[in-house]
Amino acid sequence: MTALPETLLGLVKAYSPSGAERPAVEYLVSRMQALGFSQATIDAAGNAVGVMGSGPRQIVLLGHIDTVPGEIPVRVAPSPLTPLPEGEGQVLYGRGSVDAKGPLACFVDAVARLGALEGWQLVVIGAVEEERDSDGARHVVSAYRPEFAIIGEPNRWDRLALGYKGSAWAELTVRREQAHTAAAQESACEAAIAVWLAAKAWAEEFNRGRQRVFDRLLLTLRAMSSGDEDYRQWARLSIGARLPLDLDPSAWYQRLAGLAGAAQVQPTGFALPAYQCEKNTPLVRAFLAAIRLAGGTPRFVYKTGTADLNVVGPLWKCPALVYGPGDSALDHTPDENLPLHEYARAVDVLAEALRTLVR
């Protein structure tokens, strides 16, 4: 049986939906102290921060410690794969095992394995609020200036993510004078749906000839509501947009406002532009070599969601990538689970990549 990784197991047991991360943060700080980190503290934003070494050169490993709501009983069980591929055995079930406590625990265990490296400071951050407005990442982006950045998200042990789409949310509100239902006047609901259909049509034209999903504009209608007050009707739509590299949030909001006509467009939350990492960097080369050394065939992926990479990448302006064990198709699902053999291999890869990087 594969030995149970204490860091991962303890972190997943500490249920920590966004806004209630404190128990998991306190556990992780205590765990990093026990593993011999030079420093382990809770910062002003509530992030867990561990530092190994005191050199002038800095590598930041930024994971997130919050999860979506929905507790899953934590258990270790035999792999559901039948027959089991060679080397596979136990699987850890629990909220966050994939997104993204698996990658975060991997960061902690790999850095602990390496210990202090002359001339370098390895900073592991378990950021809060990534699943909402990335408050933790927004706090640390001005506190560190790393030479290299590794962001923790699940993409399998043998894959590197080099790009994440942007996102922009908006509420669209249409108002119309109240009229009898027998009248020919367009209702607020009809007008709102007409704007949505116009936005979908514009997106289809924008996407024409774009083969990769990463390069397309993806729209979703997330909520609808309507009512009337003071003899006026209103209808409101919540519209989400996943943005490609060549369409930033401000340009999208401007386009949506043009399609909306007299309707009100109100941006909501924090909009993020898409971000793509450079491929030919010492950081990427170190990971490619480490994955091959572990017997894998490395691959690159470009994701349709967003991550804390979108927050820190444009400001840190250093070589960066996204790495972590786990199948991202299980993110936010009731079946979230992480094979322990994959976790162990990811720790091996990360430790070897860091060792190569600092030579």
Protein backbone atom coordinates (compact mmCIF):
# COMPACT_ATOMS: atom_id res chain seq x y z
CA MET A 1 0.00 0.00 0.00
CA THR A 2 1.20 3.50 -0.85
CA ALA A 3 2.19 5.44 2.28
CA LEU A 4 -0.32 8.14 3.12
CA PRO A 5 1.11 11.64 2.53
CA GLU A 6 0.56 13.47 5.81
CA THR A 7 0.58 16.99 4.38
CA LEU A 8 -2.04 16.20 1.76
CA LEU A 9 -4.27 14.19 4.09
CA GLY A 10 -4.24 16.80 6.84
CA LEU A 11 -4.92 19.64 4.42
CA VAL A 12 -7.88 17.90 2.77
CA LYS A 13 -9.34 17.02 6.18
CA ALA A 14 -9.42 20.73 7.05
CA TYR A 15 -12.56 21.73 5.13
CA SER A 16 -12.05 25.29 3.87
CA PRO A 17 -14.63 26.78 1.50
CA SER A 18 -13.92 30.36 0.44
CA GLY A 19 -14.35 32.68 3.39
CA ALA A 20 -13.76 29.94 5.97
CA GLU A 21 -10.15 28.97 5.31
CA ARG A 22 -8.70 29.68 8.76
CA PRO A 23 -8.55 26.09 10.11
CA ALA A 24 -6.78 24.89 6.95
CA VAL A 25 -4.41 27.88 7.02
CA GLU A 26 -3.51 27.20 10.65
CA TYR A 27 -2.94 23.53 9.88
CA LEU A 28 -0.68 24.29 6.93
CA VAL A 29 1.40 26.81 8.88
CA SER A 30 1.85 24.28 11.67
CA ARG A 31 2.76 21.59 9.15
CA MET A 32 5.37 23.79 7.44
CA GLN A 33 6.88 24.59 10.83
CA ALA A 34 7.11 20.88 11.61
CA LEU A 35 8.77 20.23 8.24
CA GLY A 36 11.56 22.68 8.99
CA PHE A 37 10.60 25.73 6.94
CA SER A 38 12.71 28.76 7.87
CA GLN A 39 9.53 30.76 8.45
CA ALA A 40 5.83 29.87 8.47
CA THR A 41 3.23 32.52 9.18
CA ILE A 42 -0.23 33.84 8.36
CA ASP A 43 -0.07 37.11 6.45
CA ALA A 44 -2.41 40.11 6.62
CA ALA A 45 -4.77 38.65 4.00
CA GLY A 46 -5.07 35.35 5.86
CA ASN A 47 -2.79 33.41 3.50
CA ALA A 48 -0.54 30.62 4.79
CA VAL A 49 3.07 31.56 3.89
CA GLY A 50 6.09 29.33 4.30
CA VAL A 51 9.65 30.36 3.44
CA MET A 52 12.55 27.96 2.99
CA GLY A 53 16.00 29.56 2.90
CA SER A 54 17.12 33.16 3.04
CA GLY A 55 18.96 33.82 -0.22
CA PRO A 56 18.48 36.95 -2.31
CA ARG A 57 16.91 35.09 -5.24
CA GLN A 58 13.27 34.08 -4.94
CA ILE A 59 10.94 31.43 -6.35
CA VAL A 60 7.27 31.72 -5.40
CA LEU A 61 5.03 28.64 -5.43
CA LEU A 62 1.51 30.03 -5.24
CA GLY A 63 -1.35 27.62 -4.54
CA HIS A 64 -4.80 28.23 -3.12
CA ILE A 65 -6.16 26.80 0.08
CA ASP A 66 -9.86 27.57 -0.38
CA THR A 67 -12.34 25.29 -2.11
CA VAL A 68 -15.86 25.53 -3.46
CA PRO A 69 -18.58 24.67 -0.91
CA GLY A 70 -19.77 21.10 -0.54
CA GLU A 71 -17.99 18.87 1.94
CA ILE A 72 -17.01 15.37 0.78
CA PRO A 73 -16.25 12.69 3.41
CA VAL A 74 -12.48 12.25 3.44
CA ARG A 75 -11.43 8.68 2.83
CA VAL A 76 -8.69 6.64 1.21
CA ALA A 77 -9.98 3.82 -0.96
CA PRO A 78 -8.71 1.46 -3.64
CA SER A 79 -8.48 2.96 -7.11
CA PRO A 80 -11.72 2.60 -9.12
CA LEU A 81 -9.63 1.71 -12.18
CA THR A 82 -9.96 -1.95 -13.12
CA PRO A 83 -7.56 -3.54 -13.79
CA LEU A 84 -5.09 -1.36 -11.93
CA PRO A 85 -2.20 -0.06 -14.01
CA GLU A 86 1.17 -0.99 -12.55
CA GLY A 87 2.01 1.17 -9.53
CA GLU A 88 -1.52 2.42 -8.92
CA GLY A 89 -3.36 1.69 -5.71
CA GLN A 90 -4.92 4.11 -3.26
CA VAL A 91 -7.05 7.17 -4.00
CA LEU A 92 -7.80 10.07 -1.65
CA TYR A 93 -11.37 11.37 -1.79
CA GLY A 94 -12.26 14.75 -0.31
CA ARG A 95 -13.14 18.33 -1.20
CA GLY A 96 -10.01 20.06 -2.43
CA SER A 97 -8.00 16.91 -3.06
CA VAL A 98 -7.80 18.03 -6.69
CA ASP A 99 -8.69 21.74 -6.67
CA ALA A 100 -6.32 22.69 -5.35
CA LYS A 101 -4.98 21.25 -2.10
CA GLY A 102 -3.26 18.46 -4.00
CA PRO A 103 -1.00 20.92 -5.85
CA LEU A 104 -0.51 23.04 -2.70
CA ALA A 105 0.50 20.06 -0.55
CA CYS A 106 2.79 18.97 -3.39
CA PHE A 107 4.53 22.37 -3.18
CA VAL A 108 5.04 22.00 0.58
CA ASP A 109 6.38 18.45 0.43
CA ALA A 110 8.72 19.12 -2.50
CA VAL A 111 10.23 22.21 -0.85
CA ALA A 112 10.58 20.36 2.46
CA ARG A 113 12.42 17.57 0.66
CA LEU A 114 14.91 20.03 -0.83
CA GLY A 115 15.49 22.07 2.32
CA ALA A 116 17.33 25.38 2.24
CA LEU A 117 19.21 26.00 -1.00
CA GLU A 118 22.17 28.36 -1.01
CA GLY A 119 21.36 31.71 -2.56
CA TRP A 120 17.64 31.03 -2.88
CA GLN A 121 14.43 31.66 -1.02
CA LEU A 122 11.55 29.29 -1.83
CA VAL A 123 8.19 30.80 -0.84
CA VAL A 124 5.11 28.57 -0.63
CA ILE A 125 1.80 30.43 -0.39
CA GLY A 126 -1.60 28.92 0.35
CA ALA A 127 -3.79 31.77 -0.89
CA VAL A 128 -7.34 32.42 0.26
CA GLU A 129 -10.41 33.35 -1.80
CA GLU A 130 -9.19 32.06 -5.19
CA GLU A 131 -12.60 30.55 -5.89
CA ARG A 132 -14.20 33.99 -5.48
CA ASP A 133 -12.21 37.19 -6.12
CA SER A 134 -8.59 36.03 -5.54
CA ASP A 135 -8.13 38.28 -2.50
CA GLY A 136 -5.10 36.26 -1.37
CA ALA A 137 -3.28 36.54 -4.68
CA ARG A 138 -4.10 40.25 -4.95
CA HIS A 139 -2.42 40.75 -1.58
CA VAL A 140 0.80 38.88 -2.37
CA VAL A 141 1.30 40.28 -5.86
CA SER A 142 2.86 43.45 -4.46
CA ALA A 143 4.72 41.70 -1.63
CA TYR A 144 7.02 39.51 -3.77
CA ARG A 145 9.15 39.93 -6.88
CA PRO A 146 10.13 36.38 -7.81
CA GLU A 147 12.54 35.30 -10.53
CA PHE A 148 10.27 32.33 -11.22
CA ALA A 149 6.64 31.61 -10.31
CA ILE A 150 4.84 28.26 -10.14
CA ILE A 151 1.06 28.35 -9.73
CA GLY A 152 -0.70 25.34 -8.21
CA GLU A 153 -3.63 23.94 -10.17
CA PRO A 154 -4.46 20.35 -11.20
CA ASN A 155 -3.33 19.41 -14.71
CA ARG A 156 -1.86 15.91 -14.13
CA TRP A 157 1.69 15.16 -13.02
CA ASP A 158 3.08 15.07 -16.57
CA ARG A 159 1.48 18.25 -17.98
CA LEU A 160 2.26 21.95 -17.74
CA ALA A 161 -0.40 24.62 -18.19
CA LEU A 162 0.89 27.72 -19.93
CA GLY A 163 -2.27 29.72 -20.42
CA TYR A 164 -5.61 30.56 -18.80
CA LYS A 165 -8.50 32.42 -20.38
CA GLY A 166 -9.71 35.70 -18.95
CA SER A 167 -13.13 36.28 -17.43
CA ALA A 168 -15.63 39.13 -17.16
CA TRP A 169 -19.05 39.12 -15.52
CA ALA A 170 -21.86 41.57 -16.07
CA GLU A 171 -25.47 42.19 -15.18
CA LEU A 172 -27.64 43.40 -18.05
CA THR A 173 -30.83 45.23 -17.02
CA VAL A 174 -33.62 46.18 -19.42
CA ARG A 175 -36.57 48.41 -18.45
CA ARG A 176 -39.82 48.98 -20.33
CA GLU A 177 -43.06 50.83 -19.66
CA GLN A 178 -45.81 48.57 -18.37
CA ALA A 179 -48.27 47.53 -21.07
CA HIS A 180 -51.22 45.17 -21.42
CA THR A 181 -50.23 41.68 -22.48
CA ALA A 182 -52.46 42.03 -25.54
CA ALA A 183 -50.49 45.04 -26.74
CA ALA A 184 -47.82 44.67 -29.42
CA GLN A 185 -45.16 46.38 -27.29
CA GLU A 186 -41.92 44.44 -26.67
CA SER A 187 -41.66 43.33 -23.05
CA ALA A 188 -38.56 43.82 -20.91
CA CYS A 189 -37.99 40.05 -20.94
CA GLU A 190 -38.20 39.91 -24.73
CA ALA A 191 -35.77 42.82 -25.04
CA ALA A 192 -33.29 41.20 -22.65
CA ILE A 193 -33.38 37.92 -24.58
CA ALA A 194 -32.87 39.85 -27.82
CA VAL A 195 -29.66 41.36 -26.41
CA TRP A 196 -28.47 37.91 -25.29
CA LEU A 197 -29.09 36.48 -28.76
CA ALA A 198 -27.25 39.43 -30.32
CA ALA A 199 -24.28 38.81 -28.00
CA LYS A 200 -24.26 35.11 -28.91
CA ALA A 201 -24.37 35.97 -32.62
CA TRP A 202 -21.47 38.41 -32.22
CA ALA A 203 -19.45 35.78 -30.35
CA GLU A 204 -20.07 33.25 -33.13
CA GLU A 205 -18.78 35.73 -35.68
CA PHE A 206 -15.78 36.59 -33.49
CA ASN A 207 -14.95 32.88 -33.16
CA ARG A 208 -15.18 32.12 -36.87
CA GLY A 209 -12.01 30.34 -37.98
CA ARG A 210 -10.65 29.97 -34.45
CA GLN A 211 -9.90 26.29 -33.95
CA ARG A 212 -8.65 26.27 -30.35
CA VAL A 213 -11.14 26.76 -27.54
CA PHE A 214 -8.44 28.83 -25.82
CA ASP A 215 -8.72 31.39 -28.64
CA ARG A 216 -12.51 31.72 -28.58
CA LEU A 217 -14.94 33.94 -26.71
CA LEU A 218 -17.20 31.73 -24.58
CA LEU A 219 -20.45 33.19 -23.24
CA THR A 220 -22.75 31.77 -20.59
CA LEU A 221 -26.14 32.95 -19.35
CA ARG A 222 -25.90 32.27 -15.62
CA ALA A 223 -29.08 33.79 -14.20
CA MET A 224 -32.34 35.47 -15.23
CA SER A 225 -34.87 37.46 -13.23
CA SER A 226 -37.71 39.87 -13.95
CA GLY A 227 -40.41 41.88 -12.28
CA ASP A 228 -42.29 45.17 -12.30
CA GLU A 229 -42.40 48.25 -10.11
CA ASP A 230 -43.92 51.72 -10.44
CA TYR A 231 -45.68 50.78 -13.69
CA ARG A 232 -42.42 49.68 -15.29
CA GLN A 233 -41.17 46.23 -16.19
CA TRP A 234 -37.58 45.11 -15.70
CA ALA A 235 -35.58 42.07 -16.75
CA ARG A 236 -32.06 41.21 -15.64
CA LEU A 237 -29.52 38.75 -17.06
CA SER A 238 -26.23 37.64 -15.52
CA ILE A 239 -23.77 37.07 -18.36
CA GLY A 240 -20.37 35.46 -18.01
CA ALA A 241 -17.61 35.69 -20.61
CA ARG A 242 -14.45 33.61 -20.92
CA LEU A 243 -12.05 35.79 -22.84
CA PRO A 244 -9.22 34.99 -25.29
CA LEU A 245 -5.88 36.78 -25.34
CA ASP A 246 -6.96 39.32 -27.96
CA LEU A 247 -10.13 40.48 -26.18
CA ASP A 248 -9.54 42.16 -22.84
CA PRO A 249 -12.35 42.82 -20.34
CA SER A 250 -12.74 46.53 -21.15
CA ALA A 251 -13.12 45.80 -24.88
CA TRP A 252 -15.71 43.11 -24.13
CA TYR A 253 -17.72 45.37 -21.83
CA GLN A 254 -17.68 48.07 -24.50
CA ARG A 255 -18.91 45.61 -27.12
CA LEU A 256 -21.65 44.29 -24.84
CA ALA A 257 -22.81 47.85 -24.09
CA GLY A 258 -23.02 48.54 -27.80
CA LEU A 259 -25.14 45.44 -28.35
CA ALA A 260 -27.33 46.32 -25.36
CA GLY A 261 -28.50 49.69 -26.70
CA ALA A 262 -30.51 51.46 -24.01
CA ALA A 263 -30.13 48.57 -21.56
CA GLN A 264 -27.80 49.03 -18.59
CA VAL A 265 -24.60 46.94 -18.44
CA GLN A 266 -23.04 46.72 -14.98
CA PRO A 267 -19.70 44.85 -14.59
CA THR A 268 -19.66 42.60 -11.51
CA GLY A 269 -16.80 41.07 -9.56
CA PHE A 270 -13.18 41.34 -10.69
CA ALA A 271 -12.57 40.98 -14.41
CA LEU A 272 -9.35 39.25 -15.46
CA PRO A 273 -7.60 39.35 -18.84
CA ALA A 274 -6.34 36.10 -20.35
CA TYR A 275 -2.70 35.27 -19.72
CA GLN A 276 -0.20 33.08 -21.55
CA CYS A 277 3.26 32.09 -20.27
CA GLU A 278 6.40 31.93 -22.36
CA LYS A 279 7.29 28.39 -23.40
CA ASN A 280 11.06 28.70 -23.93
CA THR A 281 12.27 29.52 -20.39
CA PRO A 282 14.64 27.84 -17.89
CA LEU A 283 11.58 27.11 -15.73
CA VAL A 284 9.73 25.21 -18.46
CA ARG A 285 12.89 23.37 -19.52
CA ALA A 286 13.53 22.25 -15.93
CA PHE A 287 10.02 20.77 -15.70
CA LEU A 288 10.24 19.06 -19.08
CA ALA A 289 13.48 17.36 -18.03
CA ALA A 290 12.03 16.36 -14.63
CA ILE A 291 8.90 14.82 -16.18
CA ARG A 292 11.00 12.83 -18.65
CA LEU A 293 13.30 11.68 -15.84
CA ALA A 294 10.22 10.37 -13.99
CA GLY A 295 9.20 8.36 -17.05
CA GLY A 296 6.58 10.70 -18.46
CA THR A 297 5.99 12.36 -21.80
CA PRO A 298 5.44 16.05 -21.02
CA ARG A 299 2.57 17.94 -22.62
CA PHE A 300 1.36 21.52 -22.62
CA VAL A 301 -2.23 22.56 -21.96
CA TYR A 302 -4.12 25.86 -22.24
CA LYS A 303 -7.13 26.14 -19.96
CA THR A 304 -10.58 27.63 -20.46
CA GLY A 305 -10.92 28.75 -16.84
CA THR A 306 -9.03 31.35 -14.82
CA ALA A 307 -6.48 30.98 -12.03
CA ASP A 308 -4.34 33.14 -9.77
CA LEU A 309 -1.89 33.12 -12.69
CA ASN A 310 -4.17 35.74 -14.31
CA VAL A 311 -3.66 37.99 -11.27
CA VAL A 312 0.09 37.68 -10.67
CA GLY A 313 1.44 36.90 -14.13
CA PRO A 314 0.99 40.35 -15.70
CA LEU A 315 2.58 42.10 -12.70
CA TRP A 316 5.42 39.74 -11.79
CA LYS A 317 6.51 39.51 -15.43
CA CYS A 318 8.78 36.54 -14.70
CA PRO A 319 8.92 33.04 -16.19
CA ALA A 320 5.86 31.21 -14.88
CA LEU A 321 3.82 28.06 -15.38
CA VAL A 322 1.00 26.14 -13.71
CA TYR A 323 1.63 22.69 -12.25
CA GLY A 324 -0.06 20.18 -9.99
CA PRO A 325 -1.35 16.61 -9.75
CA GLY A 326 -4.97 15.71 -10.32
CA ASP A 327 -7.61 15.54 -13.03
CA SER A 328 -9.15 19.00 -13.48
CA ALA A 329 -12.32 17.37 -14.85
CA LEU A 330 -13.05 16.49 -11.20
CA ASP A 331 -12.86 20.12 -10.03
CA HIS A 332 -15.93 21.14 -7.98
CA THR A 333 -17.57 17.70 -8.43
CA PRO A 334 -18.92 15.36 -5.71
CA ASP A 335 -16.39 12.72 -6.84
CA GLU A 336 -13.25 14.82 -6.35
CA ASN A 337 -10.34 12.44 -5.75
CA LEU A 338 -6.58 12.20 -6.23
CA PRO A 339 -4.60 8.98 -6.82
CA LEU A 340 -1.79 8.87 -4.27
CA HIS A 341 0.70 7.45 -6.78
CA GLU A 342 0.12 10.53 -8.96
CA TYR A 343 0.65 12.83 -6.01
CA ALA A 344 3.95 11.13 -5.15
CA ARG A 345 5.15 11.41 -8.73
CA ALA A 346 4.26 15.11 -8.86
CA VAL A 347 6.32 15.72 -5.71
CA ASP A 348 9.25 13.94 -7.36
CA VAL A 349 8.90 16.04 -10.53
CA LEU A 350 8.61 19.34 -8.69
CA ALA A 351 11.57 18.64 -6.41
CA GLU A 352 13.74 17.66 -9.38
CA ALA A 353 12.64 20.69 -11.41
CA LEU A 354 13.48 23.05 -8.55
CA ARG A 355 16.83 21.33 -7.99
CA THR A 356 17.68 21.80 -11.68
CA LEU A 357 16.46 25.39 -11.73
CA VAL A 358 18.68 26.60 -8.89
CA ARG A 359 21.93 24.98 -10.07
